Every structure is written in C-alpha cells, then in structure tokens.
Amino acid sequence: MGRIWETENRFAKWLEVEIAACEAMAEEGLIPQKALKNIKKKARFDVDRILEIEEKTKHDIIAFLTNVEEYVGPDSRFIHMGLTSSDILDTSFAMLLKEAMALIVEDVKGFMAVIKGRAFEHKNTVMIGRSHGIHAEPITFGLKLAVWYAK
C-alpha cells in the first residue's frame, strides 16, 4: 500500500494521464502522430529534479511538466495542451485510489476466507450470547463468525 502513495508513483500516474491525453488528441488529429511517438518514447521524470524545480516555481504540476520537457524536447509543447492542473491531479488521484482499493479488496477477500474457515473451526465452541449489551442464551463462536462473514 505504501508504494502506491510514494512520490514516484504519484508522478508516474501524472505522466500516464498526460500521455493518455496526448494519445486522445493525436487520435483526433490535434497533435501530430510523430510527436506522440516521440512523447511516448522519451517522456520520463526525475523526482529529485521535480522537487528542485518546484522550490523555484512553487507549483507541483509546472515543476513536473518542466522536468518532462527536459526529456522530451520540442514536442513537449503538446503535453498538457488544453488541460488544467486539476485535470491531472483529479484523474491521477482517482487512479491511485483505484489501485489502493484493489489491494484492499484483495485483503478483504483473504480476511473473509479466514473468517469462514474459523467459523467452521469454532462451530461447536460455546460462548455467551449477547442481547442489548447483556448476557443472552449461549451461542457458538462459529455462529458469531458466520454472521460476520454473511454481512
């Protein structure tokens, strides 16, 4: 999970969004295919360099784009064309959330499998039932786990 939220991955998502926008614009004939090919081939970034540029610009996206431009060259004029910083930040944040959620879902599936297994393991383990915060009729711990599993 930590890797998802590291600076390197955040910038990687920004670059994915920028390249996807360039691909869409090239498909519509708004930027030359040759420029797209060059952008896809050369586009990269250096986290330390971006942070260095940001110290001067006080703007994360401008620092990022400036660094990408250093790698791409003149065709970088087509990167970020027609976009706002929010377009990049919001879209990439959604991508990061999706990536994080995929991990969470996998972990929950694993947890649910453990709960199910323990429910069967403890199907005969007696425990005190609870009703409105007080003792009730005895139940099994397996039943309690099965209820958790069913929710």
N, C-alpha and C. Protein backbone atom coordinates (compact mmCIF):
# COMPACT_ATOMS: atom_id res chain seq x y z
N MET A 1 0.83 -1.19 0.00
CA MET A 1 0.00 0.00 0.00
C MET A 1 0.88 1.26 0.00
N GLY A 2 1.93 1.22 0.79
CA GLY A 2 2.79 2.39 0.89
C GLY A 2 3.37 2.80 -0.46
N ARG A 3 3.73 1.81 -1.27
CA ARG A 3 4.31 2.08 -2.59
C ARG A 3 3.36 2.90 -3.46
N ILE A 4 2.07 2.64 -3.32
CA ILE A 4 1.08 3.35 -4.14
C ILE A 4 1.15 4.85 -3.90
N TRP A 5 1.36 5.25 -2.65
CA TRP A 5 1.29 6.67 -2.29
C TRP A 5 2.64 7.37 -2.28
N GLU A 6 3.69 6.67 -2.72
CA GLU A 6 5.01 7.29 -2.81
C GLU A 6 5.04 8.31 -3.95
N THR A 7 5.89 9.29 -3.80
CA THR A 7 6.01 10.37 -4.78
C THR A 7 6.27 9.85 -6.17
N GLU A 8 7.14 8.88 -6.30
CA GLU A 8 7.49 8.30 -7.61
C GLU A 8 6.24 7.79 -8.33
N ASN A 9 5.39 7.07 -7.62
CA ASN A 9 4.18 6.51 -8.23
C ASN A 9 3.17 7.62 -8.56
N ARG A 10 3.10 8.63 -7.71
CA ARG A 10 2.18 9.75 -7.98
C ARG A 10 2.58 10.42 -9.29
N PHE A 11 3.86 10.69 -9.46
CA PHE A 11 4.33 11.31 -10.70
C PHE A 11 4.14 10.37 -11.89
N ALA A 12 4.31 9.08 -11.67
CA ALA A 12 4.09 8.11 -12.75
C ALA A 12 2.64 8.18 -13.23
N LYS A 13 1.72 8.33 -12.30
CA LYS A 13 0.30 8.45 -12.68
C LYS A 13 0.07 9.76 -13.43
N TRP A 14 0.70 10.83 -13.00
CA TRP A 14 0.57 12.10 -13.72
C TRP A 14 1.01 11.91 -15.17
N LEU A 15 2.14 11.23 -15.35
CA LEU A 15 2.66 11.00 -16.70
C LEU A 15 1.70 10.13 -17.51
N GLU A 16 1.12 9.12 -16.89
CA GLU A 16 0.13 8.29 -17.58
C GLU A 16 -1.04 9.13 -18.09
N VAL A 17 -1.52 10.03 -17.23
CA VAL A 17 -2.65 10.89 -17.62
C VAL A 17 -2.25 11.80 -18.77
N GLU A 18 -1.09 12.41 -18.67
CA GLU A 18 -0.62 13.31 -19.73
C GLU A 18 -0.48 12.57 -21.06
N ILE A 19 0.09 11.38 -21.01
CA ILE A 19 0.28 10.60 -22.24
C ILE A 19 -1.07 10.15 -22.80
N ALA A 20 -1.99 9.75 -21.94
CA ALA A 20 -3.33 9.35 -22.40
C ALA A 20 -4.02 10.52 -23.09
N ALA A 21 -3.86 11.72 -22.55
CA ALA A 21 -4.46 12.91 -23.18
C ALA A 21 -3.81 13.15 -24.54
N CYS A 22 -2.51 12.98 -24.63
CA CYS A 22 -1.82 13.14 -25.91
C CYS A 22 -2.30 12.10 -26.92
N GLU A 23 -2.50 10.88 -26.47
CA GLU A 23 -3.00 9.82 -27.36
C GLU A 23 -4.38 10.18 -27.90
N ALA A 24 -5.23 10.68 -27.04
CA ALA A 24 -6.58 11.06 -27.47
C ALA A 24 -6.53 12.22 -28.46
N MET A 25 -5.66 13.19 -28.19
CA MET A 25 -5.55 14.34 -29.09
C MET A 25 -4.95 13.94 -30.44
N ALA A 26 -4.00 13.01 -30.41
CA ALA A 26 -3.41 12.53 -31.67
C ALA A 26 -4.46 11.77 -32.48
N GLU A 27 -5.29 11.01 -31.79
CA GLU A 27 -6.36 10.26 -32.46
C GLU A 27 -7.35 11.21 -33.14
N GLU A 28 -7.55 12.36 -32.53
CA GLU A 28 -8.46 13.37 -33.09
C GLU A 28 -7.76 14.30 -34.09
N GLY A 29 -6.48 14.08 -34.30
CA GLY A 29 -5.73 14.91 -35.24
C GLY A 29 -5.31 16.26 -34.69
N LEU A 30 -5.36 16.43 -33.38
CA LEU A 30 -5.00 17.71 -32.77
C LEU A 30 -3.50 17.85 -32.54
N ILE A 31 -2.81 16.74 -32.47
CA ILE A 31 -1.35 16.78 -32.41
C ILE A 31 -0.81 15.72 -33.38
N PRO A 32 0.36 15.96 -33.92
CA PRO A 32 0.93 15.01 -34.90
C PRO A 32 1.25 13.65 -34.27
N GLN A 33 1.01 12.59 -35.04
CA GLN A 33 1.33 11.24 -34.59
C GLN A 33 2.82 11.10 -34.29
N LYS A 34 3.64 11.79 -35.08
CA LYS A 34 5.08 11.74 -34.88
C LYS A 34 5.45 12.31 -33.51
N ALA A 35 4.78 13.39 -33.13
CA ALA A 35 5.02 14.00 -31.82
C ALA A 35 4.61 13.04 -30.71
N LEU A 36 3.47 12.38 -30.89
CA LEU A 36 3.01 11.41 -29.89
C LEU A 36 4.02 10.29 -29.72
N LYS A 37 4.51 9.78 -30.84
CA LYS A 37 5.50 8.70 -30.80
C LYS A 37 6.74 9.14 -30.02
N ASN A 38 7.19 10.36 -30.26
CA ASN A 38 8.35 10.90 -29.57
C ASN A 38 8.07 11.08 -28.08
N ILE A 39 6.88 11.59 -27.76
CA ILE A 39 6.49 11.80 -26.36
C ILE A 39 6.49 10.46 -25.62
N LYS A 40 5.86 9.46 -26.22
CA LYS A 40 5.77 8.15 -25.57
C LYS A 40 7.16 7.52 -25.40
N LYS A 41 8.03 7.77 -26.36
CA LYS A 41 9.38 7.19 -26.31
C LYS A 41 10.25 7.88 -25.26
N LYS A 42 10.17 9.20 -25.15
CA LYS A 42 11.12 9.95 -24.33
C LYS A 42 10.58 10.43 -22.98
N ALA A 43 9.27 10.44 -22.82
CA ALA A 43 8.69 11.02 -21.59
C ALA A 43 9.11 10.23 -20.36
N ARG A 44 9.71 10.93 -19.43
CA ARG A 44 10.10 10.37 -18.14
C ARG A 44 10.30 11.54 -17.19
N PHE A 45 10.65 11.23 -15.97
CA PHE A 45 10.82 12.28 -14.97
C PHE A 45 11.85 11.84 -13.93
N ASP A 46 12.32 12.80 -13.18
CA ASP A 46 13.24 12.55 -12.08
C ASP A 46 12.68 13.26 -10.85
N VAL A 47 12.34 12.50 -9.83
CA VAL A 47 11.68 13.06 -8.65
C VAL A 47 12.51 14.18 -8.03
N ASP A 48 13.80 13.95 -7.86
CA ASP A 48 14.66 14.97 -7.24
C ASP A 48 14.67 16.25 -8.06
N ARG A 49 14.71 16.11 -9.37
CA ARG A 49 14.72 17.29 -10.26
C ARG A 49 13.38 18.03 -10.16
N ILE A 50 12.29 17.30 -10.10
CA ILE A 50 10.97 17.95 -9.97
C ILE A 50 10.92 18.75 -8.68
N LEU A 51 11.37 18.17 -7.59
CA LEU A 51 11.35 18.86 -6.30
C LEU A 51 12.24 20.10 -6.33
N GLU A 52 13.36 19.99 -7.03
CA GLU A 52 14.27 21.14 -7.19
C GLU A 52 13.58 22.27 -7.96
N ILE A 53 12.92 21.93 -9.05
CA ILE A 53 12.21 22.93 -9.85
C ILE A 53 11.06 23.53 -9.05
N GLU A 54 10.37 22.69 -8.29
CA GLU A 54 9.23 23.16 -7.51
C GLU A 54 9.64 24.19 -6.45
N GLU A 55 10.86 24.07 -5.95
CA GLU A 55 11.37 25.07 -5.00
C GLU A 55 11.33 26.47 -5.61
N LYS A 56 11.57 26.54 -6.92
CA LYS A 56 11.57 27.83 -7.63
C LYS A 56 10.17 28.23 -8.07
N THR A 57 9.43 27.27 -8.65
CA THR A 57 8.14 27.61 -9.25
C THR A 57 7.01 27.67 -8.24
N LYS A 58 7.17 26.94 -7.13
CA LYS A 58 6.10 26.84 -6.10
C LYS A 58 4.83 26.24 -6.69
N HIS A 59 4.98 25.39 -7.72
CA HIS A 59 3.83 24.76 -8.37
C HIS A 59 4.23 23.36 -8.80
N ASP A 60 3.58 22.35 -8.24
CA ASP A 60 3.96 20.97 -8.49
C ASP A 60 3.80 20.54 -9.94
N ILE A 61 2.70 20.90 -10.56
CA ILE A 61 2.47 20.47 -11.95
C ILE A 61 3.44 21.17 -12.91
N ILE A 62 3.67 22.44 -12.70
CA ILE A 62 4.62 23.15 -13.55
C ILE A 62 6.01 22.55 -13.41
N ALA A 63 6.39 22.22 -12.19
CA ALA A 63 7.70 21.60 -11.96
C ALA A 63 7.77 20.25 -12.68
N PHE A 64 6.71 19.47 -12.56
CA PHE A 64 6.65 18.17 -13.23
C PHE A 64 6.77 18.32 -14.74
N LEU A 65 5.97 19.20 -15.32
CA LEU A 65 5.97 19.40 -16.77
C LEU A 65 7.31 19.93 -17.26
N THR A 66 7.93 20.80 -16.49
CA THR A 66 9.25 21.34 -16.85
C THR A 66 10.27 20.22 -16.91
N ASN A 67 10.22 19.32 -15.95
CA ASN A 67 11.15 18.20 -15.94
C ASN A 67 10.88 17.25 -17.11
N VAL A 68 9.63 16.94 -17.38
CA VAL A 68 9.29 16.07 -18.51
C VAL A 68 9.77 16.71 -19.81
N GLU A 69 9.60 18.02 -19.92
CA GLU A 69 10.06 18.75 -21.11
C GLU A 69 11.56 18.57 -21.32
N GLU A 70 12.32 18.51 -20.24
CA GLU A 70 13.77 18.33 -20.35
C GLU A 70 14.11 17.01 -21.04
N TYR A 71 13.26 16.02 -20.93
CA TYR A 71 13.49 14.72 -21.57
C TYR A 71 12.91 14.67 -22.99
N VAL A 72 11.74 15.26 -23.17
CA VAL A 72 11.02 15.12 -24.44
C VAL A 72 11.53 16.08 -25.51
N GLY A 73 11.85 17.30 -25.13
CA GLY A 73 12.30 18.30 -26.09
C GLY A 73 11.13 19.07 -26.69
N PRO A 74 11.28 19.57 -27.93
CA PRO A 74 10.28 20.45 -28.54
C PRO A 74 8.86 19.88 -28.61
N ASP A 75 8.72 18.59 -28.76
CA ASP A 75 7.38 18.00 -28.83
C ASP A 75 6.63 18.10 -27.49
N SER A 76 7.33 18.50 -26.46
CA SER A 76 6.67 18.63 -25.15
C SER A 76 5.62 19.75 -25.18
N ARG A 77 5.65 20.59 -26.20
CA ARG A 77 4.64 21.65 -26.30
C ARG A 77 3.23 21.08 -26.44
N PHE A 78 3.15 19.80 -26.83
CA PHE A 78 1.83 19.16 -26.97
C PHE A 78 1.35 18.51 -25.67
N ILE A 79 2.27 18.37 -24.72
CA ILE A 79 1.91 17.77 -23.43
C ILE A 79 1.15 18.83 -22.62
N HIS A 80 0.10 18.44 -22.00
CA HIS A 80 -0.73 19.29 -21.13
C HIS A 80 -1.58 20.29 -21.93
N MET A 81 -1.58 20.14 -23.24
CA MET A 81 -2.33 21.06 -24.09
C MET A 81 -3.83 20.93 -23.80
N GLY A 82 -4.45 22.04 -23.45
CA GLY A 82 -5.88 22.06 -23.18
C GLY A 82 -6.28 21.51 -21.81
N LEU A 83 -5.30 21.21 -20.99
CA LEU A 83 -5.58 20.62 -19.68
C LEU A 83 -5.32 21.63 -18.56
N THR A 84 -5.92 21.37 -17.43
CA THR A 84 -5.63 22.16 -16.23
C THR A 84 -4.90 21.26 -15.24
N SER A 85 -4.32 21.88 -14.23
CA SER A 85 -3.67 21.09 -13.17
C SER A 85 -4.67 20.15 -12.52
N SER A 86 -5.87 20.63 -12.33
CA SER A 86 -6.90 19.79 -11.70
C SER A 86 -7.23 18.57 -12.55
N ASP A 87 -7.18 18.70 -13.86
CA ASP A 87 -7.41 17.54 -14.73
C ASP A 87 -6.41 16.44 -14.40
N ILE A 88 -5.18 16.82 -14.21
CA ILE A 88 -4.12 15.85 -13.92
C ILE A 88 -4.26 15.33 -12.49
N LEU A 89 -4.40 16.25 -11.54
CA LEU A 89 -4.45 15.85 -10.13
C LEU A 89 -5.66 14.99 -9.82
N ASP A 90 -6.84 15.39 -10.30
CA ASP A 90 -8.06 14.63 -10.00
C ASP A 90 -8.05 13.25 -10.66
N THR A 91 -7.64 13.20 -11.91
CA THR A 91 -7.62 11.93 -12.64
C THR A 91 -6.59 10.98 -12.04
N SER A 92 -5.41 11.49 -11.78
CA SER A 92 -4.38 10.62 -11.22
C SER A 92 -4.74 10.17 -9.80
N PHE A 93 -5.38 11.04 -9.03
CA PHE A 93 -5.80 10.67 -7.68
C PHE A 93 -6.83 9.53 -7.75
N ALA A 94 -7.74 9.62 -8.70
CA ALA A 94 -8.72 8.54 -8.89
C ALA A 94 -8.00 7.24 -9.25
N MET A 95 -6.97 7.33 -10.07
CA MET A 95 -6.20 6.14 -10.44
C MET A 95 -5.50 5.54 -9.22
N LEU A 96 -4.94 6.41 -8.38
CA LEU A 96 -4.28 5.94 -7.16
C LEU A 96 -5.28 5.29 -6.21
N LEU A 97 -6.45 5.90 -6.08
CA LEU A 97 -7.50 5.33 -5.23
C LEU A 97 -7.92 3.95 -5.74
N LYS A 98 -8.06 3.84 -7.05
CA LYS A 98 -8.44 2.56 -7.65
C LYS A 98 -7.38 1.49 -7.36
N GLU A 99 -6.11 1.88 -7.51
CA GLU A 99 -5.00 0.96 -7.24
C GLU A 99 -5.01 0.53 -5.77
N ALA A 100 -5.23 1.49 -4.87
CA ALA A 100 -5.26 1.19 -3.44
C ALA A 100 -6.47 0.30 -3.11
N MET A 101 -7.60 0.62 -3.71
CA MET A 101 -8.81 -0.16 -3.43
C MET A 101 -8.67 -1.60 -3.89
N ALA A 102 -7.96 -1.82 -4.99
CA ALA A 102 -7.74 -3.19 -5.46
C ALA A 102 -6.98 -3.99 -4.40
N LEU A 103 -6.00 -3.36 -3.76
CA LEU A 103 -5.27 -4.04 -2.68
C LEU A 103 -6.18 -4.32 -1.50
N ILE A 104 -7.00 -3.34 -1.14
CA ILE A 104 -7.92 -3.50 -0.01
C ILE A 104 -8.90 -4.63 -0.29
N VAL A 105 -9.44 -4.66 -1.49
CA VAL A 105 -10.41 -5.70 -1.84
C VAL A 105 -9.75 -7.08 -1.74
N GLU A 106 -8.53 -7.21 -2.23
CA GLU A 106 -7.82 -8.49 -2.14
C GLU A 106 -7.60 -8.88 -0.68
N ASP A 107 -7.22 -7.91 0.15
CA ASP A 107 -7.01 -8.20 1.57
C ASP A 107 -8.32 -8.60 2.24
N VAL A 108 -9.41 -7.94 1.89
CA VAL A 108 -10.71 -8.28 2.48
C VAL A 108 -11.12 -9.69 2.06
N LYS A 109 -10.87 -10.03 0.80
CA LYS A 109 -11.18 -11.41 0.36
C LYS A 109 -10.41 -12.43 1.19
N GLY A 110 -9.14 -12.15 1.44
CA GLY A 110 -8.33 -13.03 2.27
C GLY A 110 -8.86 -13.10 3.69
N PHE A 111 -9.24 -11.96 4.22
CA PHE A 111 -9.78 -11.89 5.58
C PHE A 111 -11.09 -12.67 5.67
N MET A 112 -11.93 -12.52 4.65
CA MET A 112 -13.20 -13.24 4.64
C MET A 112 -12.98 -14.76 4.59
N ALA A 113 -11.98 -15.18 3.87
CA ALA A 113 -11.66 -16.62 3.81
C ALA A 113 -11.24 -17.11 5.19
N VAL A 114 -10.48 -16.30 5.91
CA VAL A 114 -10.06 -16.67 7.27
C VAL A 114 -11.27 -16.75 8.19
N ILE A 115 -12.15 -15.75 8.10
CA ILE A 115 -13.37 -15.73 8.93
C ILE A 115 -14.21 -17.00 8.66
N LYS A 116 -14.38 -17.32 7.39
CA LYS A 116 -15.16 -18.51 7.03
C LYS A 116 -14.54 -19.78 7.62
N GLY A 117 -13.23 -19.89 7.46
CA GLY A 117 -12.54 -21.07 7.99
C GLY A 117 -12.67 -21.16 9.51
N ARG A 118 -12.52 -20.04 10.18
CA ARG A 118 -12.64 -20.02 11.64
C ARG A 118 -14.07 -20.30 12.09
N ALA A 119 -15.05 -19.87 11.30
CA ALA A 119 -16.45 -20.15 11.64
C ALA A 119 -16.67 -21.65 11.69
N PHE A 120 -16.15 -22.36 10.68
CA PHE A 120 -16.28 -23.82 10.69
C PHE A 120 -15.46 -24.44 11.83
N GLU A 121 -14.29 -23.90 12.05
CA GLU A 121 -13.41 -24.42 13.11
C GLU A 121 -14.08 -24.31 14.49
N HIS A 122 -14.84 -23.24 14.70
CA HIS A 122 -15.44 -22.98 16.02
C HIS A 122 -16.96 -23.20 16.03
N LYS A 123 -17.44 -24.05 15.13
CA LYS A 123 -18.90 -24.26 15.07
C LYS A 123 -19.45 -24.86 16.36
N ASN A 124 -18.60 -25.48 17.15
CA ASN A 124 -19.05 -26.07 18.42
C ASN A 124 -18.45 -25.39 19.64
N THR A 125 -17.78 -24.28 19.47
CA THR A 125 -17.19 -23.56 20.59
C THR A 125 -18.26 -22.66 21.22
N VAL A 126 -18.71 -23.05 22.39
CA VAL A 126 -19.80 -22.33 23.06
C VAL A 126 -19.29 -21.02 23.65
N MET A 127 -20.14 -20.03 23.56
CA MET A 127 -19.83 -18.72 24.17
C MET A 127 -21.13 -18.08 24.64
N ILE A 128 -21.01 -17.06 25.44
CA ILE A 128 -22.19 -16.34 25.93
C ILE A 128 -22.75 -15.50 24.80
N GLY A 129 -24.05 -15.61 24.58
CA GLY A 129 -24.72 -14.74 23.62
C GLY A 129 -24.90 -13.36 24.21
N ARG A 130 -25.12 -12.38 23.38
CA ARG A 130 -25.32 -11.00 23.85
C ARG A 130 -26.61 -10.47 23.26
N SER A 131 -27.33 -9.71 24.05
CA SER A 131 -28.56 -9.07 23.59
C SER A 131 -28.67 -7.73 24.29
N HIS A 132 -28.62 -6.67 23.54
CA HIS A 132 -28.69 -5.32 24.10
C HIS A 132 -27.65 -5.12 25.20
N GLY A 133 -26.46 -5.65 24.97
CA GLY A 133 -25.36 -5.43 25.90
C GLY A 133 -25.39 -6.28 27.15
N ILE A 134 -26.28 -7.23 27.22
CA ILE A 134 -26.31 -8.11 28.39
C ILE A 134 -26.26 -9.56 27.93
N HIS A 135 -25.99 -10.46 28.90
CA HIS A 135 -25.92 -11.88 28.56
C HIS A 135 -27.25 -12.38 28.02
N ALA A 136 -27.14 -13.30 27.08
CA ALA A 136 -28.33 -13.92 26.50
C ALA A 136 -28.08 -15.42 26.43
N GLU A 137 -28.90 -16.11 25.67
CA GLU A 137 -28.75 -17.56 25.52
C GLU A 137 -27.38 -17.86 24.90
N PRO A 138 -26.77 -18.97 25.26
CA PRO A 138 -25.49 -19.35 24.67
C PRO A 138 -25.60 -19.53 23.16
N ILE A 139 -24.53 -19.18 22.49
CA ILE A 139 -24.39 -19.41 21.04
C ILE A 139 -23.02 -20.04 20.83
N THR A 140 -22.65 -20.26 19.58
CA THR A 140 -21.28 -20.72 19.32
C THR A 140 -20.49 -19.58 18.71
N PHE A 141 -19.20 -19.63 18.97
CA PHE A 141 -18.32 -18.63 18.38
C PHE A 141 -18.35 -18.76 16.85
N GLY A 142 -18.52 -19.96 16.36
CA GLY A 142 -18.65 -20.20 14.92
C GLY A 142 -19.83 -19.45 14.34
N LEU A 143 -20.96 -19.45 15.08
CA LEU A 143 -22.13 -18.71 14.61
C LEU A 143 -21.83 -17.22 14.52
N LYS A 144 -21.18 -16.70 15.56
CA LYS A 144 -20.83 -15.27 15.57
C LYS A 144 -19.97 -14.94 14.35
N LEU A 145 -18.97 -15.77 14.07
CA LEU A 145 -18.10 -15.55 12.90
C LEU A 145 -18.88 -15.70 11.60
N ALA A 146 -19.80 -16.65 11.55
CA ALA A 146 -20.62 -16.85 10.34
C ALA A 146 -21.47 -15.63 10.08
N VAL A 147 -21.98 -14.99 11.12
CA VAL A 147 -22.76 -13.75 10.96
C VAL A 147 -21.86 -12.65 10.42
N TRP A 148 -20.66 -12.54 10.93
CA TRP A 148 -19.72 -11.55 10.39
C TRP A 148 -19.46 -11.81 8.92
N TYR A 149 -19.26 -13.09 8.59
CA TYR A 149 -18.97 -13.48 7.22
C TYR A 149 -20.15 -13.13 6.29
N ALA A 150 -21.36 -13.32 6.80
CA ALA A 150 -22.55 -13.10 5.99
C ALA A 150 -22.82 -11.62 5.73
N LYS A 151 -22.32 -10.75 6.58
CA LYS A 151 -22.59 -9.31 6.41
C LYS A 151 -21.75 -8.81 5.32
